[in-house]
Structures are given as structure tokens and as C-alpha cells.
Amino acid sequence: MIGEAEGISVDLFIGEPTYLGSGWGRLILVKFLVEVAFPLFPQEDVCWIYHERLNQRAVRASRAAGFQYVRNFLEDGELKELLSLRKEDAAARASGV
């Protein structure tokens, strides 16, 4: 769907309104990638995440975690923003968390 053959992808949903906008998304993403996802798939060096372009709260959280803009794409007629984070960059960020 995202047009990438290498790497892993991740999705994050914070369902408890109390925790929205308080920095948990950034922390959860980085820690999950470094402690769970990349160790489970050691051959992979990049993680992908995407959001609806209009969901700027989610985009900001992913960028705060270190994800970088790659490109936009359409999914079911809706514009999405694809971002990526390399394994070594995730590890560097996790050491500073």
C-alpha cells in the first residue's frame, strides 16, 4: 500500500483522552521501536508510519519521535503523509529519552 518493499511499519492509537497532547506518542513510538519492533526484525533498518495529512497532531507526534517526511500518497482517495525513521536514529533518540 505505501509502495515500500523494505522495513517495518507501525501504527499508534492513544485511546485515553487524558494522555493526548502530553508527549506520550513520541515516547511510546521511540521506545517500542528500539525495545520491541527492531529487535523482533533485526534485518530491517527502517520503520514507516503514515497519517492523514489533515491529522497534524499525529504528524507532529511522529516528527517529534524523529520520523522524517518521505512523500504523500493516496489511500482510498484520501491524502496520506508517509514518514520514515532509520533504526540508528531511533536508537540515538531512545538514549536521550
PDB file of N, CA and C in Angstrom:
ATOM      1  N   MET A   1       0.817  -1.196   0.000  1.00  0.00           N
ATOM      2  CA  MET A   1       0.000   0.000   0.000  1.00  0.00           C
ATOM      3  C   MET A   1       0.864   1.264   0.000  1.00  0.00           C
ATOM      4  N   ILE A   2       1.950   1.300   0.781  1.00  0.00           N
ATOM      5  CA  ILE A   2       2.774   2.509   0.839  1.00  0.00           C
ATOM      6  C   ILE A   2       3.851   2.526  -0.240  1.00  0.00           C
ATOM      7  N   GLY A   3       4.000   1.429  -0.963  1.00  0.00           N
ATOM      8  CA  GLY A   3       4.959   1.392  -2.048  1.00  0.00           C
ATOM      9  C   GLY A   3       6.393   1.165  -1.619  1.00  0.00           C
ATOM     10  N   GLU A   4       6.605   0.589  -0.466  1.00  0.00           N
ATOM     11  CA  GLU A   4       7.960   0.299   0.031  1.00  0.00           C
ATOM     12  C   GLU A   4       8.075  -1.194   0.285  1.00  0.00           C
ATOM     13  N   ALA A   5       9.189  -1.782  -0.138  1.00  0.00           N
ATOM     14  CA  ALA A   5       9.380  -3.227  -0.001  1.00  0.00           C
ATOM     15  C   ALA A   5      10.215  -3.603   1.221  1.00  0.00           C
ATOM     16  N   GLU A   6      10.964  -2.666   1.752  1.00  0.00           N
ATOM     17  CA  GLU A   6      11.852  -2.943   2.882  1.00  0.00           C
ATOM     18  C   GLU A   6      11.324  -2.255   4.135  1.00  0.00           C
ATOM     19  N   GLY A   7      11.690  -2.782   5.289  1.00  0.00           N
ATOM     20  CA  GLY A   7      11.381  -2.138   6.551  1.00  0.00           C
ATOM     21  C   GLY A   7      10.136  -2.682   7.224  1.00  0.00           C
ATOM     22  N   ILE A   8       9.814  -2.054   8.336  1.00  0.00           N
ATOM     23  CA  ILE A   8       8.625  -2.398   9.107  1.00  0.00           C
ATOM     24  C   ILE A   8       7.730  -1.162   9.147  1.00  0.00           C
ATOM     25  N   SER A   9       6.470  -1.376   9.472  1.00  0.00           N
ATOM     26  CA  SER A   9       5.580  -0.230   9.646  1.00  0.00           C
ATOM     27  C   SER A   9       4.923  -0.325  11.009  1.00  0.00           C
ATOM     28  N   VAL A  10       4.488   0.810  11.487  1.00  0.00           N
ATOM     29  CA  VAL A  10       3.907   0.872  12.824  1.00  0.00           C
ATOM     30  C   VAL A  10       2.696   1.804  12.787  1.00  0.00           C
ATOM     31  N   ASP A  11       1.763   1.526  13.668  1.00  0.00           N
ATOM     32  CA  ASP A  11       0.588   2.375  13.834  1.00  0.00           C
ATOM     33  C   ASP A  11       0.419   2.595  15.327  1.00  0.00           C
ATOM     34  N   LEU A  12      -0.051   3.749  15.698  1.00  0.00           N
ATOM     35  CA  LEU A  12      -0.198   4.085  17.105  1.00  0.00           C
ATOM     36  C   LEU A  12      -1.540   4.757  17.323  1.00  0.00           C
ATOM     37  N   PHE A  13      -2.248   4.316  18.347  1.00  0.00           N
ATOM     38  CA  PHE A  13      -3.517   4.933  18.714  1.00  0.00           C
ATOM     39  C   PHE A  13      -3.539   5.100  20.225  1.00  0.00           C
ATOM     40  N   ILE A  14      -3.661   6.325  20.668  1.00  0.00           N
ATOM     41  CA  ILE A  14      -3.787   6.600  22.096  1.00  0.00           C
ATOM     42  C   ILE A  14      -5.271   6.846  22.354  1.00  0.00           C
ATOM     43  N   GLY A  15      -5.918   5.920  23.011  1.00  0.00           N
ATOM     44  CA  GLY A  15      -7.353   5.985  23.205  1.00  0.00           C
ATOM     45  C   GLY A  15      -7.799   6.712  24.455  1.00  0.00           C
ATOM     46  N   GLU A  16      -6.895   7.004  25.342  1.00  0.00           N
ATOM     47  CA  GLU A  16      -7.244   7.678  26.593  1.00  0.00           C
ATOM     48  C   GLU A  16      -7.046   9.187  26.413  1.00  0.00           C
ATOM     49  N   PRO A  17      -8.121   9.953  26.346  1.00  0.00           N
ATOM     50  CA  PRO A  17      -8.010  11.398  26.092  1.00  0.00           C
ATOM     51  C   PRO A  17      -7.084  12.139  27.063  1.00  0.00           C
ATOM     52  N   THR A  18      -6.967  11.657  28.279  1.00  0.00           N
ATOM     53  CA  THR A  18      -6.109  12.306  29.267  1.00  0.00           C
ATOM     54  C   THR A  18      -4.657  12.378  28.801  1.00  0.00           C
ATOM     55  N   TYR A  19      -4.237  11.415  27.990  1.00  0.00           N
ATOM     56  CA  TYR A  19      -2.836  11.337  27.581  1.00  0.00           C
ATOM     57  C   TYR A  19      -2.555  12.009  26.236  1.00  0.00           C
ATOM     58  N   LEU A  20      -3.583  12.495  25.560  1.00  0.00           N
ATOM     59  CA  LEU A  20      -3.381  13.154  24.271  1.00  0.00           C
ATOM     60  C   LEU A  20      -2.672  14.487  24.455  1.00  0.00           C
ATOM     61  N   GLY A  21      -1.703  14.747  23.590  1.00  0.00           N
ATOM     62  CA  GLY A  21      -1.013  16.027  23.608  1.00  0.00           C
ATOM     63  C   GLY A  21      -0.019  16.219  24.729  1.00  0.00           C
ATOM     64  N   SER A  22       0.329  15.136  25.421  1.00  0.00           N
ATOM     65  CA  SER A  22       1.255  15.283  26.549  1.00  0.00           C
ATOM     66  C   SER A  22       2.616  14.637  26.309  1.00  0.00           C
ATOM     67  N   GLY A  23       2.912  14.269  25.050  1.00  0.00           N
ATOM     68  CA  GLY A  23       4.223  13.726  24.731  1.00  0.00           C
ATOM     69  C   GLY A  23       4.332  12.212  24.778  1.00  0.00           C
ATOM     70  N   TRP A  24       3.262  11.536  25.145  1.00  0.00           N
ATOM     71  CA  TRP A  24       3.317  10.073  25.230  1.00  0.00           C
ATOM     72  C   TRP A  24       3.524   9.411  23.871  1.00  0.00           C
ATOM     73  N   GLY A  25       2.940   9.963  22.813  1.00  0.00           N
ATOM     74  CA  GLY A  25       3.077   9.363  21.481  1.00  0.00           C
ATOM     75  C   GLY A  25       4.523   9.253  21.058  1.00  0.00           C
ATOM     76  N   ARG A  26       5.276  10.325  21.222  1.00  0.00           N
ATOM     77  CA  ARG A  26       6.706  10.345  20.881  1.00  0.00           C
ATOM     78  C   ARG A  26       7.465   9.304  21.686  1.00  0.00           C
ATOM     79  N   LEU A  27       7.233   9.281  22.989  1.00  0.00           N
ATOM     80  CA  LEU A  27       7.920   8.343  23.864  1.00  0.00           C
ATOM     81  C   LEU A  27       7.577   6.893  23.516  1.00  0.00           C
ATOM     82  N   ILE A  28       6.285   6.620  23.334  1.00  0.00           N
ATOM     83  CA  ILE A  28       5.848   5.258  23.012  1.00  0.00           C
ATOM     84  C   ILE A  28       6.454   4.790  21.700  1.00  0.00           C
ATOM     85  N   LEU A  29       6.424   5.640  20.675  1.00  0.00           N
ATOM     86  CA  LEU A  29       6.978   5.253  19.371  1.00  0.00           C
ATOM     87  C   LEU A  29       8.448   4.880  19.461  1.00  0.00           C
ATOM     88  N   VAL A  30       9.227   5.756  20.048  1.00  0.00           N
ATOM     89  CA  VAL A  30      10.674   5.514  20.117  1.00  0.00           C
ATOM     90  C   VAL A  30      10.995   4.267  20.941  1.00  0.00           C
ATOM     91  N   LYS A  31      10.412   4.157  22.112  1.00  0.00           N
ATOM     92  CA  LYS A  31      10.689   3.003  22.976  1.00  0.00           C
ATOM     93  C   LYS A  31      10.225   1.699  22.330  1.00  0.00           C
ATOM     94  N   PHE A  32       9.049   1.698  21.716  1.00  0.00           N
ATOM     95  CA  PHE A  32       8.541   0.487  21.064  1.00  0.00           C
ATOM     96  C   PHE A  32       9.472   0.062  19.933  1.00  0.00           C
ATOM     97  N   LEU A  33       9.916   0.993  19.120  1.00  0.00           N
ATOM     98  CA  LEU A  33      10.795   0.638  18.007  1.00  0.00           C
ATOM     99  C   LEU A  33      12.112   0.043  18.498  1.00  0.00           C
ATOM    100  N   VAL A  34      12.720   0.694  19.472  1.00  0.00           N
ATOM    101  CA  VAL A  34      14.044   0.273  19.944  1.00  0.00           C
ATOM    102  C   VAL A  34      13.992  -0.991  20.789  1.00  0.00           C
ATOM    103  N   GLU A  35      12.963  -1.141  21.605  1.00  0.00           N
ATOM    104  CA  GLU A  35      12.912  -2.267  22.534  1.00  0.00           C
ATOM    105  C   GLU A  35      12.122  -3.469  22.022  1.00  0.00           C
ATOM    106  N   VAL A  36      11.240  -3.259  21.036  1.00  0.00           N
ATOM    107  CA  VAL A  36      10.388  -4.357  20.570  1.00  0.00           C
ATOM    108  C   VAL A  36      10.515  -4.596  19.067  1.00  0.00           C
ATOM    109  N   ALA A  37      10.129  -3.617  18.260  1.00  0.00           N
ATOM    110  CA  ALA A  37       9.994  -3.834  16.818  1.00  0.00           C
ATOM    111  C   ALA A  37      11.310  -4.172  16.121  1.00  0.00           C
ATOM    112  N   PHE A  38      12.324  -3.327  16.273  1.00  0.00           N
ATOM    113  CA  PHE A  38      13.591  -3.615  15.595  1.00  0.00           C
ATOM    114  C   PHE A  38      14.263  -4.887  16.128  1.00  0.00           C
ATOM    115  N   PRO A  39      14.217  -5.177  17.428  1.00  0.00           N
ATOM    116  CA  PRO A  39      14.763  -6.461  17.880  1.00  0.00           C
ATOM    117  C   PRO A  39      14.012  -7.665  17.306  1.00  0.00           C
ATOM    118  N   LEU A  40      12.710  -7.549  17.091  1.00  0.00           N
ATOM    119  CA  LEU A  40      11.951  -8.652  16.502  1.00  0.00           C
ATOM    120  C   LEU A  40      12.281  -8.851  15.023  1.00  0.00           C
ATOM    121  N   PHE A  41      12.677  -7.782  14.359  1.00  0.00           N
ATOM    122  CA  PHE A  41      13.011  -7.822  12.931  1.00  0.00           C
ATOM    123  C   PHE A  41      14.398  -7.215  12.730  1.00  0.00           C
ATOM    124  N   PRO A  42      15.446  -7.894  13.219  1.00  0.00           N
ATOM    125  CA  PRO A  42      16.795  -7.313  13.208  1.00  0.00           C
ATOM    126  C   PRO A  42      17.352  -7.047  11.812  1.00  0.00           C
ATOM    127  N   GLN A  43      16.806  -7.696  10.803  1.00  0.00           N
ATOM    128  CA  GLN A  43      17.285  -7.484   9.434  1.00  0.00           C
ATOM    129  C   GLN A  43      16.766  -6.176   8.839  1.00  0.00           C
ATOM    130  N   GLU A  44      15.792  -5.547   9.481  1.00  0.00           N
ATOM    131  CA  GLU A  44      15.200  -4.308   8.957  1.00  0.00           C
ATOM    132  C   GLU A  44      15.882  -3.085   9.555  1.00  0.00           C
ATOM    133  N   ASP A  45      16.068  -2.063   8.724  1.00  0.00           N
ATOM    134  CA  ASP A  45      16.777  -0.846   9.146  1.00  0.00           C
ATOM    135  C   ASP A  45      15.928   0.411   9.129  1.00  0.00           C
ATOM    136  N   VAL A  46      14.658   0.287   8.736  1.00  0.00           N
ATOM    137  CA  VAL A  46      13.818   1.478   8.642  1.00  0.00           C
ATOM    138  C   VAL A  46      12.396   1.136   9.080  1.00  0.00           C
ATOM    139  N   CYS A  47      11.741   2.127   9.666  1.00  0.00           N
ATOM    140  CA  CYS A  47      10.339   1.985  10.055  1.00  0.00           C
ATOM    141  C   CYS A  47       9.533   3.061   9.333  1.00  0.00           C
ATOM    142  N   TRP A  48       8.354   2.678   8.890  1.00  0.00           N
ATOM    143  CA  TRP A  48       7.441   3.571   8.178  1.00  0.00           C
ATOM    144  C   TRP A  48       6.204   3.824   9.022  1.00  0.00           C
ATOM    145  N   ILE A  49       5.688   5.037   8.936  1.00  0.00           N
ATOM    146  CA  ILE A  49       4.413   5.381   9.549  1.00  0.00           C
ATOM    147  C   ILE A  49       3.736   6.382   8.618  1.00  0.00           C
ATOM    148  N   TYR A  50       2.404   6.347   8.585  1.00  0.00           N
ATOM    149  CA  TYR A  50       1.719   7.361   7.792  1.00  0.00           C
ATOM    150  C   TYR A  50       0.462   7.815   8.508  1.00  0.00           C
ATOM    151  N   HIS A  51       0.065   9.025   8.151  1.00  0.00           N
ATOM    152  CA  HIS A  51      -1.099   9.662   8.763  1.00  0.00           C
ATOM    153  C   HIS A  51      -1.878  10.408   7.686  1.00  0.00           C
ATOM    154  N   GLU A  52      -3.143  10.661   7.962  1.00  0.00           N
ATOM    155  CA  GLU A  52      -3.898  11.559   7.105  1.00  0.00           C
ATOM    156  C   GLU A  52      -3.224  12.923   7.177  1.00  0.00           C
ATOM    157  N   ARG A  53      -3.104  13.585   6.040  1.00  0.00           N
ATOM    158  CA  ARG A  53      -2.428  14.890   6.010  1.00  0.00           C
ATOM    159  C   ARG A  53      -3.096  15.889   6.955  1.00  0.00           C
ATOM    160  N   LEU A  54      -4.405  15.764   7.122  1.00  0.00           N
ATOM    161  CA  LEU A  54      -5.127  16.708   7.976  1.00  0.00           C
ATOM    162  C   LEU A  54      -4.940  16.424   9.465  1.00  0.00           C
ATOM    163  N   ASN A  55      -4.414  15.249   9.820  1.00  0.00           N
ATOM    164  CA  ASN A  55      -4.217  14.893  11.221  1.00  0.00           C
ATOM    165  C   ASN A  55      -2.848  15.412  11.684  1.00  0.00           C
ATOM    166  N   GLN A  56      -2.753  16.711  11.808  1.00  0.00           N
ATOM    167  CA  GLN A  56      -1.466  17.324  12.135  1.00  0.00           C
ATOM    168  C   GLN A  56      -0.978  16.972  13.535  1.00  0.00           C
ATOM    169  N   ARG A  57      -1.864  16.653  14.443  1.00  0.00           N
ATOM    170  CA  ARG A  57      -1.439  16.225  15.786  1.00  0.00           C
ATOM    171  C   ARG A  57      -0.619  14.942  15.681  1.00  0.00           C
ATOM    172  N   ALA A  58      -1.085  13.968  14.892  1.00  0.00           N
ATOM    173  CA  ALA A  58      -0.364  12.707  14.712  1.00  0.00           C
ATOM    174  C   ALA A  58       0.941  12.930  13.954  1.00  0.00           C
ATOM    175  N   VAL A  59       0.899  13.776  12.930  1.00  0.00           N
ATOM    176  CA  VAL A  59       2.116  14.076  12.163  1.00  0.00           C
ATOM    177  C   VAL A  59       3.160  14.703  13.072  1.00  0.00           C
ATOM    178  N   ARG A  60       2.758  15.654  13.899  1.00  0.00           N
ATOM    179  CA  ARG A  60       3.709  16.302  14.821  1.00  0.00           C
ATOM    180  C   ARG A  60       4.293  15.307  15.822  1.00  0.00           C
ATOM    181  N   ALA A  61       3.470  14.394  16.320  1.00  0.00           N
ATOM    182  CA  ALA A  61       3.966  13.388  17.269  1.00  0.00           C
ATOM    183  C   ALA A  61       5.009  12.497  16.611  1.00  0.00           C
ATOM    184  N   SER A  62       4.746  12.064  15.387  1.00  0.00           N
ATOM    185  CA  SER A  62       5.709  11.211  14.683  1.00  0.00           C
ATOM    186  C   SER A  62       6.995  11.969  14.387  1.00  0.00           C
ATOM    187  N   ARG A  63       6.869  13.216  13.974  1.00  0.00           N
ATOM    188  CA  ARG A  63       8.075  14.014  13.710  1.00  0.00           C
ATOM    189  C   ARG A  63       8.861  14.268  14.993  1.00  0.00           C
ATOM    190  N   ALA A  64       8.165  14.463  16.103  1.00  0.00           N
ATOM    191  CA  ALA A  64       8.847  14.643  17.386  1.00  0.00           C
ATOM    192  C   ALA A  64       9.609  13.384  17.790  1.00  0.00           C
ATOM    193  N   ALA A  65       9.128  12.223  17.335  1.00  0.00           N
ATOM    194  CA  ALA A  65       9.817  10.959  17.606  1.00  0.00           C
ATOM    195  C   ALA A  65      11.007  10.758  16.680  1.00  0.00           C
ATOM    196  N   GLY A  66      11.142  11.620  15.661  1.00  0.00           N
ATOM    197  CA  GLY A  66      12.281  11.523  14.751  1.00  0.00           C
ATOM    198  C   GLY A  66      11.932  11.111  13.338  1.00  0.00           C
ATOM    199  N   PHE A  67      10.672  10.780  13.086  1.00  0.00           N
ATOM    200  CA  PHE A  67      10.272  10.406  11.733  1.00  0.00           C
ATOM    201  C   PHE A  67      10.414  11.600  10.800  1.00  0.00           C
ATOM    202  N   GLN A  68      10.854  11.313   9.575  1.00  0.00           N
ATOM    203  CA  GLN A  68      11.067  12.343   8.567  1.00  0.00           C
ATOM    204  C   GLN A  68      10.102  12.150   7.403  1.00  0.00           C
ATOM    205  N   TYR A  69       9.656  13.244   6.832  1.00  0.00           N
ATOM    206  CA  TYR A  69       8.750  13.219   5.685  1.00  0.00           C
ATOM    207  C   TYR A  69       9.411  12.514   4.504  1.00  0.00           C
ATOM    208  N   VAL A  70       8.653  11.631   3.848  1.00  0.00           N
ATOM    209  CA  VAL A  70       9.132  10.953   2.645  1.00  0.00           C
ATOM    210  C   VAL A  70       8.348  11.429   1.431  1.00  0.00           C
ATOM    211  N   ARG A  71       7.016  11.275   1.480  1.00  0.00           N
ATOM    212  CA  ARG A  71       6.171  11.699   0.368  1.00  0.00           C
ATOM    213  C   ARG A  71       4.708  11.571   0.773  1.00  0.00           C
ATOM    214  N   ASN A  72       3.851  12.131  -0.049  1.00  0.00           N
ATOM    215  CA  ASN A  72       2.411  11.962   0.102  1.00  0.00           C
ATOM    216  C   ASN A  72       1.958  10.854  -0.831  1.00  0.00           C
ATOM    217  N   PHE A  73       0.840  10.207  -0.488  1.00  0.00           N
ATOM    218  CA  PHE A  73       0.234   9.214  -1.369  1.00  0.00           C
ATOM    219  C   PHE A  73      -1.264   9.167  -1.080  1.00  0.00           C
ATOM    220  N   LEU A  74      -1.995   8.554  -1.992  1.00  0.00           N
ATOM    221  CA  LEU A  74      -3.440   8.424  -1.835  1.00  0.00           C
ATOM    222  C   LEU A  74      -3.793   7.029  -1.359  1.00  0.00           C
ATOM    223  N   GLU A  75      -4.684   6.956  -0.374  1.00  0.00           N
ATOM    224  CA  GLU A  75      -5.241   5.700   0.091  1.00  0.00           C
ATOM    225  C   GLU A  75      -6.758   5.870   0.107  1.00  0.00           C
ATOM    226  N   ASP A  76      -7.433   5.097  -0.709  1.00  0.00           N
ATOM    227  CA  ASP A  76      -8.892   5.195  -0.813  1.00  0.00           C
ATOM    228  C   ASP A  76      -9.348   6.632  -1.034  1.00  0.00           C
ATOM    229  N   GLY A  77      -8.602   7.349  -1.869  1.00  0.00           N
ATOM    230  CA  GLY A  77      -8.971   8.716  -2.205  1.00  0.00           C
ATOM    231  C   GLY A  77      -8.585   9.763  -1.182  1.00  0.00           C
ATOM    232  N   GLU A  78      -7.964   9.357  -0.072  1.00  0.00           N
ATOM    233  CA  GLU A  78      -7.553  10.304   0.969  1.00  0.00           C
ATOM    234  C   GLU A  78      -6.045  10.505   0.926  1.00  0.00           C
ATOM    235  N   LEU A  79      -5.629  11.765   1.059  1.00  0.00           N
ATOM    236  CA  LEU A  79      -4.218  12.103   1.030  1.00  0.00           C
ATOM    237  C   LEU A  79      -3.557  11.713   2.347  1.00  0.00           C
ATOM    238  N   LYS A  80      -2.482  10.938   2.256  1.00  0.00           N
ATOM    239  CA  LYS A  80      -1.716  10.492   3.429  1.00  0.00           C
ATOM    240  C   LYS A  80      -0.300  11.031   3.345  1.00  0.00           C
ATOM    241  N   GLU A  81       0.337  11.176   4.488  1.00  0.00           N
ATOM    242  CA  GLU A  81       1.729  11.605   4.571  1.00  0.00           C
ATOM    243  C   GLU A  81       2.564  10.441   5.093  1.00  0.00           C
ATOM    244  N   LEU A  82       3.535  10.011   4.302  1.00  0.00           N
ATOM    245  CA  LEU A  82       4.417   8.899   4.668  1.00  0.00           C
ATOM    246  C   LEU A  82       5.688   9.459   5.291  1.00  0.00           C
ATOM    247  N   LEU A  83       6.074   8.869   6.439  1.00  0.00           N
ATOM    248  CA  LEU A  83       7.286   9.272   7.143  1.00  0.00           C
ATOM    249  C   LEU A  83       8.121   8.033   7.443  1.00  0.00           C
ATOM    250  N   SER A  84       9.415   8.228   7.648  1.00  0.00           N
ATOM    251  CA  SER A  84      10.284   7.096   7.972  1.00  0.00           C
ATOM    252  C   SER A  84      11.261   7.467   9.081  1.00  0.00           C
ATOM    253  N   LEU A  85      11.752   6.431   9.755  1.00  0.00           N
ATOM    254  CA  LEU A  85      12.756   6.589  10.809  1.00  0.00           C
ATOM    255  C   LEU A  85      13.722   5.421  10.699  1.00  0.00           C
ATOM    256  N   ARG A  86      14.996   5.723  10.578  1.00  0.00           N
ATOM    257  CA  ARG A  86      16.019   4.692  10.476  1.00  0.00           C
ATOM    258  C   ARG A  86      16.323   4.122  11.875  1.00  0.00           C
ATOM    259  N   LYS A  87      16.714   2.861  11.905  1.00  0.00           N
ATOM    260  CA  LYS A  87      16.989   2.167  13.167  1.00  0.00           C
ATOM    261  C   LYS A  87      18.018   2.916  14.014  1.00  0.00           C
ATOM    262  N   GLU A  88      19.111   3.352  13.405  1.00  0.00           N
ATOM    263  CA  GLU A  88      20.167   4.024  14.187  1.00  0.00           C
ATOM    264  C   GLU A  88      19.681   5.367  14.735  1.00  0.00           C
ATOM    265  N   ASP A  89      18.809   6.042  14.009  1.00  0.00           N
ATOM    266  CA  ASP A  89      18.266   7.307  14.507  1.00  0.00           C
ATOM    267  C   ASP A  89      17.306   7.070  15.671  1.00  0.00           C
ATOM    268  N   ALA A  90      16.526   6.001  15.596  1.00  0.00           N
ATOM    269  CA  ALA A  90      15.630   5.635  16.710  1.00  0.00           C
ATOM    270  C   ALA A  90      16.446   5.322  17.955  1.00  0.00           C
ATOM    271  N   ALA A  91      17.532   4.578  17.781  1.00  0.00           N
ATOM    272  CA  ALA A  91      18.385   4.215  18.922  1.00  0.00           C
ATOM    273  C   ALA A  91      18.998   5.453  19.553  1.00  0.00           C
ATOM    274  N   ALA A  92      19.440   6.398  18.733  1.00  0.00           N
ATOM    275  CA  ALA A  92      20.028   7.629  19.260  1.00  0.00           C
ATOM    276  C   ALA A  92      18.997   8.426  20.036  1.00  0.00           C
ATOM    277  N   ARG A  93      17.780   8.490  19.543  1.00  0.00           N
ATOM    278  CA  ARG A  93      16.718   9.217  20.228  1.00  0.00           C
ATOM    279  C   ARG A  93      16.340   8.528  21.534  1.00  0.00           C
ATOM    280  N   ALA A  94      16.299   7.195  21.525  1.00  0.00           N
ATOM    281  CA  ALA A  94      15.914   6.445  22.731  1.00  0.00           C
ATOM    282  C   ALA A  94      16.927   6.647  23.846  1.00  0.00           C
ATOM    283  N   SER A  95      18.175   6.827  23.500  1.00  0.00           N
ATOM    284  CA  SER A  95      19.191   7.026  24.540  1.00  0.00           C
ATOM    285  C   SER A  95      19.031   8.379  25.209  1.00  0.00           C
ATOM    286  N   GLY A  96      18.346   9.303  24.529  1.00  0.00           N
ATOM    287  CA  GLY A  96      18.128  10.627  25.108  1.00  0.00           C
ATOM    288  C   GLY A  96      16.780  10.790  25.772  1.00  0.00           C
ATOM    289  N   VAL A  97      15.961   9.728  25.744  1.00  0.00           N
ATOM    290  CA  VAL A  97      14.606   9.819  26.324  1.00  0.00           C
ATOM    291  C   VAL A  97      14.669   9.556  27.801  1.00  0.00           C
TER     292      VAL A  97
END
